[in-house]
PDB file of N, CA and C in Angstrom:
ATOM      1  N   UNK A   1       1.968  33.608-100.394  1.00  0.00           N
ATOM      2  CA  UNK A   1       2.932  32.673-100.341  1.00  0.00           C
ATOM      3  C   UNK A   1       4.121  33.555-101.406  1.00  0.00           C
ATOM      4  N   UNK A   2       5.650  33.141-101.347  1.00  0.00           N
ATOM      5  CA  UNK A   2       6.748  33.911-101.819  1.00  0.00           C
ATOM      6  C   UNK A   2       6.641  32.696-102.852  1.00  0.00           C
ATOM      7  N   UNK A   3       7.570  33.408-103.788  1.00  0.00           N
ATOM      8  CA  UNK A   3       7.549  32.316-104.713  1.00  0.00           C
ATOM      9  C   UNK A   3       8.450  31.285-104.583  1.00  0.00           C
ATOM     10  N   UNK A   4       9.689  30.860-103.566  1.00  0.00           N
ATOM     11  CA  UNK A   4      10.386  29.903-103.521  1.00  0.00           C
ATOM     12  C   UNK A   4       9.798  29.261-102.485  1.00  0.00           C
ATOM     13  N   UNK A   5       8.031  29.179-102.022  1.00  0.00           N
ATOM     14  CA  UNK A   5       7.818  28.627-101.444  1.00  0.00           C
ATOM     15  C   UNK A   5       7.227  27.480-102.434  1.00  0.00           C
ATOM     16  N   UNK A   6       6.101  28.725-103.325  1.00  0.00           N
ATOM     17  CA  UNK A   6       5.577  27.761-104.634  1.00  0.00           C
ATOM     18  C   UNK A   6       6.373  27.018-104.945  1.00  0.00           C
ATOM     19  N   UNK A   7       7.620  27.786-105.334  1.00  0.00           N
ATOM     20  CA  UNK A   7       8.553  26.313-106.073  1.00  0.00           C
ATOM     21  C   UNK A   7       8.786  25.236-105.560  1.00  0.00           C
ATOM     22  N   UNK A   8       9.101  25.407-104.351  1.00  0.00           N
ATOM     23  CA  UNK A   8       9.533  24.245-103.594  1.00  0.00           C
ATOM     24  C   UNK A   8       8.206  23.369-103.525  1.00  0.00           C
ATOM     25  N   UNK A   9       6.688  23.722-103.724  1.00  0.00           N
ATOM     26  CA  UNK A   9       5.753  22.791-103.520  1.00  0.00           C
ATOM     27  C   UNK A   9       5.818  22.138-104.944  1.00  0.00           C
ATOM     28  N   UNK A  10       5.815  22.952-105.980  1.00  0.00           N
ATOM     29  CA  UNK A  10       5.867  22.304-107.237  1.00  0.00           C
ATOM     30  C   UNK A  10       7.044  21.539-107.479  1.00  0.00           C
ATOM     31  N   UNK A  11       8.144  22.039-107.127  1.00  0.00           N
ATOM     32  CA  UNK A  11       9.147  20.492-107.184  1.00  0.00           C
ATOM     33  C   UNK A  11       8.759  19.136-106.682  1.00  0.00           C
ATOM     34  N   UNK A  12       7.946  19.355-105.340  1.00  0.00           N
ATOM     35  CA  UNK A  12       7.157  18.397-104.680  1.00  0.00           C
ATOM     36  C   UNK A  12       6.204  17.252-105.332  1.00  0.00           C
ATOM     37  N   UNK A  13       5.509  18.127-105.711  1.00  0.00           N
ATOM     38  CA  UNK A  13       4.443  17.955-107.099  1.00  0.00           C
ATOM     39  C   UNK A  13       5.323  16.983-108.276  1.00  0.00           C
ATOM     40  N   UNK A  14       5.733  17.505-108.628  1.00  0.00           N
ATOM     41  CA  UNK A  14       6.782  16.825-109.876  1.00  0.00           C
ATOM     42  C   UNK A  14       7.755  15.756-109.229  1.00  0.00           C
ATOM     43  N   UNK A  15       8.057  15.954-108.624  1.00  0.00           N
ATOM     44  CA  UNK A  15       8.614  14.317-107.868  1.00  0.00           C
ATOM     45  C   UNK A  15       7.668  13.234-107.553  1.00  0.00           C
ATOM     46  N   UNK A  16       6.657  13.905-106.964  1.00  0.00           N
ATOM     47  CA  UNK A  16       5.516  12.524-106.837  1.00  0.00           C
ATOM     48  C   UNK A  16       4.956  12.399-107.978  1.00  0.00           C
ATOM     49  N   UNK A  17       5.130  12.888-109.464  1.00  0.00           N
ATOM     50  CA  UNK A  17       4.680  12.302-110.731  1.00  0.00           C
ATOM     51  C   UNK A  17       5.303  11.255-111.209  1.00  0.00           C
ATOM     52  N   UNK A  18       6.926  11.903-110.672  1.00  0.00           N
ATOM     53  CA  UNK A  18       8.223  10.855-111.280  1.00  0.00           C
ATOM     54  C   UNK A  18       7.737   9.788-110.782  1.00  0.00           C
ATOM     55  N   UNK A  19       7.758   9.633-109.537  1.00  0.00           N
ATOM     56  CA  UNK A  19       7.345   8.377-108.545  1.00  0.00           C
ATOM     57  C   UNK A  19       6.314   7.807-108.792  1.00  0.00           C
ATOM     58  N   UNK A  20       5.283   8.212-108.682  1.00  0.00           N
ATOM     59  CA  UNK A  20       3.753   7.358-109.590  1.00  0.00           C
ATOM     60  C   UNK A  20       4.340   6.758-110.979  1.00  0.00           C
ATOM     61  N   UNK A  21       4.769   7.435-112.002  1.00  0.00           N
ATOM     62  CA  UNK A  21       5.257   7.241-112.935  1.00  0.00           C
ATOM     63  C   UNK A  21       6.085   5.760-113.053  1.00  0.00           C
ATOM     64  N   UNK A  22       7.229   5.861-111.882  1.00  0.00           N
ATOM     65  CA  UNK A  22       8.563   4.946-112.244  1.00  0.00           C
ATOM     66  C   UNK A  22       7.891   3.569-111.355  1.00  0.00           C
ATOM     67  N   UNK A  23       6.494   3.554-110.490  1.00  0.00           N
ATOM     68  CA  UNK A  23       6.030   2.324-110.210  1.00  0.00           C
ATOM     69  C   UNK A  23       5.440   2.008-110.918  1.00  0.00           C
ATOM     70  N   UNK A  24       4.272   2.820-111.711  1.00  0.00           N
ATOM     71  CA  UNK A  24       3.779   2.234-113.025  1.00  0.00           C
ATOM     72  C   UNK A  24       4.780   1.559-113.588  1.00  0.00           C
ATOM     73  N   UNK A  25       5.867   2.054-114.176  1.00  0.00           N
ATOM     74  CA  UNK A  25       6.806   1.515-115.235  1.00  0.00           C
ATOM     75  C   UNK A  25       7.296  -0.118-114.834  1.00  0.00           C
ATOM     76  N   UNK A  26       7.564  -0.258-113.107  1.00  0.00           N
ATOM     77  CA  UNK A  26       8.137  -1.037-112.631  1.00  0.00           C
ATOM     78  C   UNK A  26       7.265  -2.666-112.587  1.00  0.00           C
ATOM     79  N   UNK A  27       5.782  -2.082-112.183  1.00  0.00           N
ATOM     80  CA  UNK A  27       5.218  -3.011-112.306  1.00  0.00           C
ATOM     81  C   UNK A  27       4.400  -3.281-113.438  1.00  0.00           C
ATOM     82  N   UNK A  28       4.742  -2.971-114.586  1.00  0.00           N
ATOM     83  CA  UNK A  28       4.539  -3.447-115.886  1.00  0.00           C
ATOM     84  C   UNK A  28       3.235  -3.044-116.521  1.00  0.00           C
ATOM     85  N   UNK A  29       2.700  -1.560-116.216  1.00  0.00           N
ATOM     86  CA  UNK A  29       1.718  -1.360-116.292  1.00  0.00           C
ATOM     87  C   UNK A  29       0.988  -1.091-117.692  1.00  0.00           C
ATOM     88  N   UNK A  30       2.619  -0.673-118.417  1.00  0.00           N
ATOM     89  CA  UNK A  30       2.559   0.033-119.894  1.00  0.00           C
ATOM     90  C   UNK A  30       1.911  -1.214-120.810  1.00  0.00           C
ATOM     91  N   UNK A  31       1.252  -0.844-121.333  1.00  0.00           N
ATOM     92  CA  UNK A  31      -0.139  -1.814-122.172  1.00  0.00           C
ATOM     93  C   UNK A  31       0.942  -2.056-123.384  1.00  0.00           C
ATOM     94  N   UNK A  32       2.062  -0.975-124.092  1.00  0.00           N
ATOM     95  CA  UNK A  32       2.670  -1.385-125.309  1.00  0.00           C
ATOM     96  C   UNK A  32       3.923  -0.717-125.239  1.00  0.00           C
ATOM     97  N   UNK A  33       4.561  -0.867-126.439  1.00  0.00           N
ATOM     98  CA  UNK A  33       6.018  -0.168-126.122  1.00  0.00           C
ATOM     99  C   UNK A  33       5.650   1.235-126.452  1.00  0.00           C
ATOM    100  N   UNK A  34       4.691   1.610-126.957  1.00  0.00           N
ATOM    101  CA  UNK A  34       4.359   3.433-127.383  1.00  0.00           C
ATOM    102  C   UNK A  34       4.588   3.620-126.020  1.00  0.00           C
ATOM    103  N   UNK A  35       3.261   3.272-125.191  1.00  0.00           N
ATOM    104  CA  UNK A  35       2.817   3.952-123.537  1.00  0.00           C
ATOM    105  C   UNK A  35       4.023   3.764-123.039  1.00  0.00           C
ATOM    106  N   UNK A  36       5.358   2.871-122.815  1.00  0.00           N
ATOM    107  CA  UNK A  36       5.929   2.591-122.380  1.00  0.00           C
ATOM    108  C   UNK A  36       7.259   3.613-122.341  1.00  0.00           C
ATOM    109  N   UNK A  37       7.304   4.372-123.490  1.00  0.00           N
ATOM    110  CA  UNK A  37       8.191   5.445-124.484  1.00  0.00           C
ATOM    111  C   UNK A  37       7.187   6.841-124.011  1.00  0.00           C
ATOM    112  N   UNK A  38       6.105   6.712-123.946  1.00  0.00           N
ATOM    113  CA  UNK A  38       5.486   8.139-123.528  1.00  0.00           C
ATOM    114  C   UNK A  38       5.284   8.361-121.992  1.00  0.00           C
ATOM    115  N   UNK A  39       5.549   6.935-120.959  1.00  0.00           N
ATOM    116  CA  UNK A  39       5.963   7.273-120.093  1.00  0.00           C
ATOM    117  C   UNK A  39       7.196   7.943-119.576  1.00  0.00           C
ATOM    118  N   UNK A  40       8.170   6.886-120.118  1.00  0.00           N
ATOM    119  CA  UNK A  40       9.611   7.420-119.723  1.00  0.00           C
ATOM    120  C   UNK A  40       9.994   8.946-120.492  1.00  0.00           C
ATOM    121  N   UNK A  41       9.233   9.638-121.226  1.00  0.00           N
ATOM    122  CA  UNK A  41       9.443  10.627-121.910  1.00  0.00           C
ATOM    123  C   UNK A  41       9.040  11.535-121.297  1.00  0.00           C
ATOM    124  N   UNK A  42       7.507  11.229-120.315  1.00  0.00           N
ATOM    125  CA  UNK A  42       7.033  12.086-119.429  1.00  0.00           C
ATOM    126  C   UNK A  42       8.051  12.142-118.206  1.00  0.00           C
ATOM    127  N   UNK A  43       8.842  11.410-117.738  1.00  0.00           N
ATOM    128  CA  UNK A  43       9.386  11.056-116.731  1.00  0.00           C
ATOM    129  C   UNK A  43      11.156  12.258-117.065  1.00  0.00           C
ATOM    130  N   UNK A  44      11.394  11.835-118.361  1.00  0.00           N
ATOM    131  CA  UNK A  44      12.472  13.130-118.861  1.00  0.00           C
ATOM    132  C   UNK A  44      12.345  14.391-118.767  1.00  0.00           C
ATOM    133  N   UNK A  45      10.934  14.946-119.278  1.00  0.00           N
ATOM    134  CA  UNK A  45      10.559  15.883-119.182  1.00  0.00           C
ATOM    135  C   UNK A  45      10.313  16.775-117.792  1.00  0.00           C
ATOM    136  N   UNK A  46       9.955  15.707-117.012  1.00  0.00           N
ATOM    137  CA  UNK A  46       9.536  15.912-115.373  1.00  0.00           C
ATOM    138  C   UNK A  46      10.981  16.788-114.720  1.00  0.00           C
ATOM    139  N   UNK A  47      12.063  15.517-114.962  1.00  0.00           N
ATOM    140  CA  UNK A  47      13.437  15.828-114.649  1.00  0.00           C
ATOM    141  C   UNK A  47      13.758  16.729-114.792  1.00  0.00           C
ATOM    142  N   UNK A  48      13.891  17.304-116.265  1.00  0.00           N
ATOM    143  CA  UNK A  48      14.296  18.536-116.849  1.00  0.00           C
ATOM    144  C   UNK A  48      13.295  19.604-116.046  1.00  0.00           C
ATOM    145  N   UNK A  49      12.305  19.958-115.879  1.00  0.00           N
ATOM    146  CA  UNK A  49      11.329  20.905-115.237  1.00  0.00           C
ATOM    147  C   UNK A  49      12.355  20.942-114.317  1.00  0.00           C
ATOM    148  N   UNK A  50      12.467  19.595-113.166  1.00  0.00           N
ATOM    149  CA  UNK A  50      13.129  19.959-111.515  1.00  0.00           C
ATOM    150  C   UNK A  50      14.259  20.619-111.797  1.00  0.00           C
ATOM    151  N   UNK A  51      15.033  20.108-112.544  1.00  0.00           N
ATOM    152  CA  UNK A  51      16.456  20.919-112.960  1.00  0.00           C
ATOM    153  C   UNK A  51      16.617  22.251-112.977  1.00  0.00           C
ATOM    154  N   UNK A  52      15.404  22.580-113.875  1.00  0.00           N
ATOM    155  CA  UNK A  52      15.525  23.691-114.171  1.00  0.00           C
ATOM    156  C   UNK A  52      14.787  24.764-112.734  1.00  0.00           C
ATOM    157  N   UNK A  53      13.838  24.150-111.977  1.00  0.00           N
ATOM    158  CA  UNK A  53      13.702  25.024-111.160  1.00  0.00           C
ATOM    159  C   UNK A  53      14.408  25.205-109.620  1.00  0.00           C
ATOM    160  N   UNK A  54      15.337  23.807-109.785  1.00  0.00           N
ATOM    161  CA  UNK A  54      16.306  23.807-108.920  1.00  0.00           C
ATOM    162  C   UNK A  54      16.921  24.883-109.260  1.00  0.00           C
ATOM    163  N   UNK A  55      17.813  25.306-110.243  1.00  0.00           N
ATOM    164  CA  UNK A  55      18.782  26.131-110.933  1.00  0.00           C
ATOM    165  C   UNK A  55      18.260  27.563-111.044  1.00  0.00           C
ATOM    166  N   UNK A  56      16.959  27.858-110.830  1.00  0.00           N
ATOM    167  CA  UNK A  56      16.401  28.864-110.110  1.00  0.00           C
ATOM    168  C   UNK A  56      16.403  29.183-108.874  1.00  0.00           C
ATOM    169  N   UNK A  57      16.217  28.508-108.571  1.00  0.00           N
ATOM    170  CA  UNK A  57      16.027  28.379-106.612  1.00  0.00           C
ATOM    171  C   UNK A  57      17.651  29.221-106.179  1.00  0.00           C
ATOM    172  N   UNK A  58      18.503  27.994-106.736  1.00  0.00           N
ATOM    173  CA  UNK A  58      19.602  28.393-106.325  1.00  0.00           C
ATOM    174  C   UNK A  58      20.156  30.091-107.045  1.00  0.00           C
ATOM    175  N   UNK A  59      19.661  30.348-107.851  1.00  0.00           N
ATOM    176  CA  UNK A  59      20.183  31.621-108.433  1.00  0.00           C
ATOM    177  C   UNK A  59      19.333  32.653-107.253  1.00  0.00           C
ATOM    178  N   UNK A  60      18.346  32.495-107.168  1.00  0.00           N
ATOM    179  CA  UNK A  60      17.044  33.119-105.619  1.00  0.00           C
ATOM    180  C   UNK A  60      18.409  33.258-105.247  1.00  0.00           C
ATOM    181  N   UNK A  61      18.496  32.049-104.410  1.00  0.00           N
ATOM    182  CA  UNK A  61      19.476  31.953-103.166  1.00  0.00           C
ATOM    183  C   UNK A  61      20.637  32.717-103.360  1.00  0.00           C
ATOM    184  N   UNK A  62      21.391  32.869-104.283  1.00  0.00           N
ATOM    185  CA  UNK A  62      22.381  33.238-104.266  1.00  0.00           C
ATOM    186  C   UNK A  62      22.555  34.563-104.445  1.00  0.00           C
ATOM    187  N   UNK A  63      21.208  34.977-105.164  1.00  0.00           N
ATOM    188  CA  UNK A  63      21.046  36.846-105.198  1.00  0.00           C
ATOM    189  C   UNK A  63      20.821  37.465-103.711  1.00  0.00           C
ATOM    190  N   UNK A  64      20.048  36.461-103.278  1.00  0.00           N
ATOM    191  CA  UNK A  64      19.472  36.768-101.691  1.00  0.00           C
ATOM    192  C   UNK A  64      21.145  37.147-101.015  1.00  0.00           C
ATOM    193  N   UNK A  65      21.463  36.125-100.916  1.00  0.00           N
ATOM    194  CA  UNK A  65      22.970  36.082 -99.909  1.00  0.00           C
ATOM    195  C   UNK A  65      24.019  37.553-100.386  1.00  0.00           C
ATOM    196  N   UNK A  66      23.911  37.383-101.682  1.00  0.00           N
ATOM    197  CA  UNK A  66      24.778  38.487-102.194  1.00  0.00           C
ATOM    198  C   UNK A  66      24.575  39.714-101.971  1.00  0.00           C
ATOM    199  N   UNK A  67      23.103  39.888-101.697  1.00  0.00           N
ATOM    200  CA  UNK A  67      22.121  41.296-101.382  1.00  0.00           C
ATOM    201  C   UNK A  67      22.304  41.529 -99.874  1.00  0.00           C
ATOM    202  N   UNK A  68      22.633  40.385 -99.037  1.00  0.00           N
ATOM    203  CA  UNK A  68      22.521  40.770 -97.974  1.00  0.00           C
ATOM    204  C   UNK A  68      23.970  40.824 -97.493  1.00  0.00           C
ATOM    205  N   UNK A  69      24.754  40.203 -98.401  1.00  0.00           N
ATOM    206  CA  UNK A  69      26.502  40.569 -97.843  1.00  0.00           C
ATOM    207  C   UNK A  69      26.534  42.296 -98.276  1.00  0.00           C
ATOM    208  N   UNK A  70      25.982  42.696 -99.621  1.00  0.00           N
ATOM    209  CA  UNK A  70      26.688  43.811 -99.676  1.00  0.00           C
ATOM    210  C   UNK A  70      25.755  44.963 -98.913  1.00  0.00           C
ATOM    211  N   UNK A  71      24.717  44.800 -98.295  1.00  0.00           N
ATOM    212  CA  UNK A  71      24.107  45.253 -97.598  1.00  0.00           C
ATOM    213  C   UNK A  71      24.605  45.489 -96.276  1.00  0.00           C
ATOM    214  N   UNK A  72      25.242  44.532 -95.723  1.00  0.00           N
ATOM    215  CA  UNK A  72      26.078  44.232 -94.446  1.00  0.00           C
ATOM    216  C   UNK A  72      27.736  45.125 -94.850  1.00  0.00           C
ATOM    217  N   UNK A  73      27.806  44.843 -96.076  1.00  0.00           N
ATOM    218  CA  UNK A  73      29.398  46.075 -95.837  1.00  0.00           C
ATOM    219  C   UNK A  73      28.840  47.503 -96.258  1.00  0.00           C
ATOM    220  N   UNK A  74      28.075  47.569 -96.771  1.00  0.00           N
ATOM    221  CA  UNK A  74      27.084  49.048 -97.034  1.00  0.00           C
ATOM    222  C   UNK A  74      26.992  49.813 -95.994  1.00  0.00           C
ATOM    223  N   UNK A  75      27.004  49.165 -94.774  1.00  0.00           N
ATOM    224  CA  UNK A  75      26.477  49.720 -93.887  1.00  0.00           C
ATOM    225  C   UNK A  75      27.623  50.360 -92.725  1.00  0.00           C
ATOM    226  N   UNK A  76      28.257  49.743 -93.232  1.00  0.00           N
ATOM    227  CA  UNK A  76      29.943  50.551 -92.469  1.00  0.00           C
ATOM    228  C   UNK A  76      30.303  51.460 -92.534  1.00  0.00           C
TER     229      UNK A  76
END
C-alpha cells in the first residue's frame, strides 16, 4: 500500500469520526457541559489532523509533479 493510499483512508476514517460526533452533538447526547466541551475539542483536534494530512498529501503531489517535470526536461 502506498503512503498516499494510507493517508486517504485515514482521512476518510477521521471524517467519519467527525460526522459521528457531530451527529451526537446535534442530537443532544452530551450529558453535561464537560462532555460537550470534550466532544467539540475532539472535533477540533480531528480537523487539525485532517488539515495536516491534506498539507502532506499536497506536498507529496507537488513533489511528484516537479519530479515528473524535471525528468521529462532532463531527457531532452
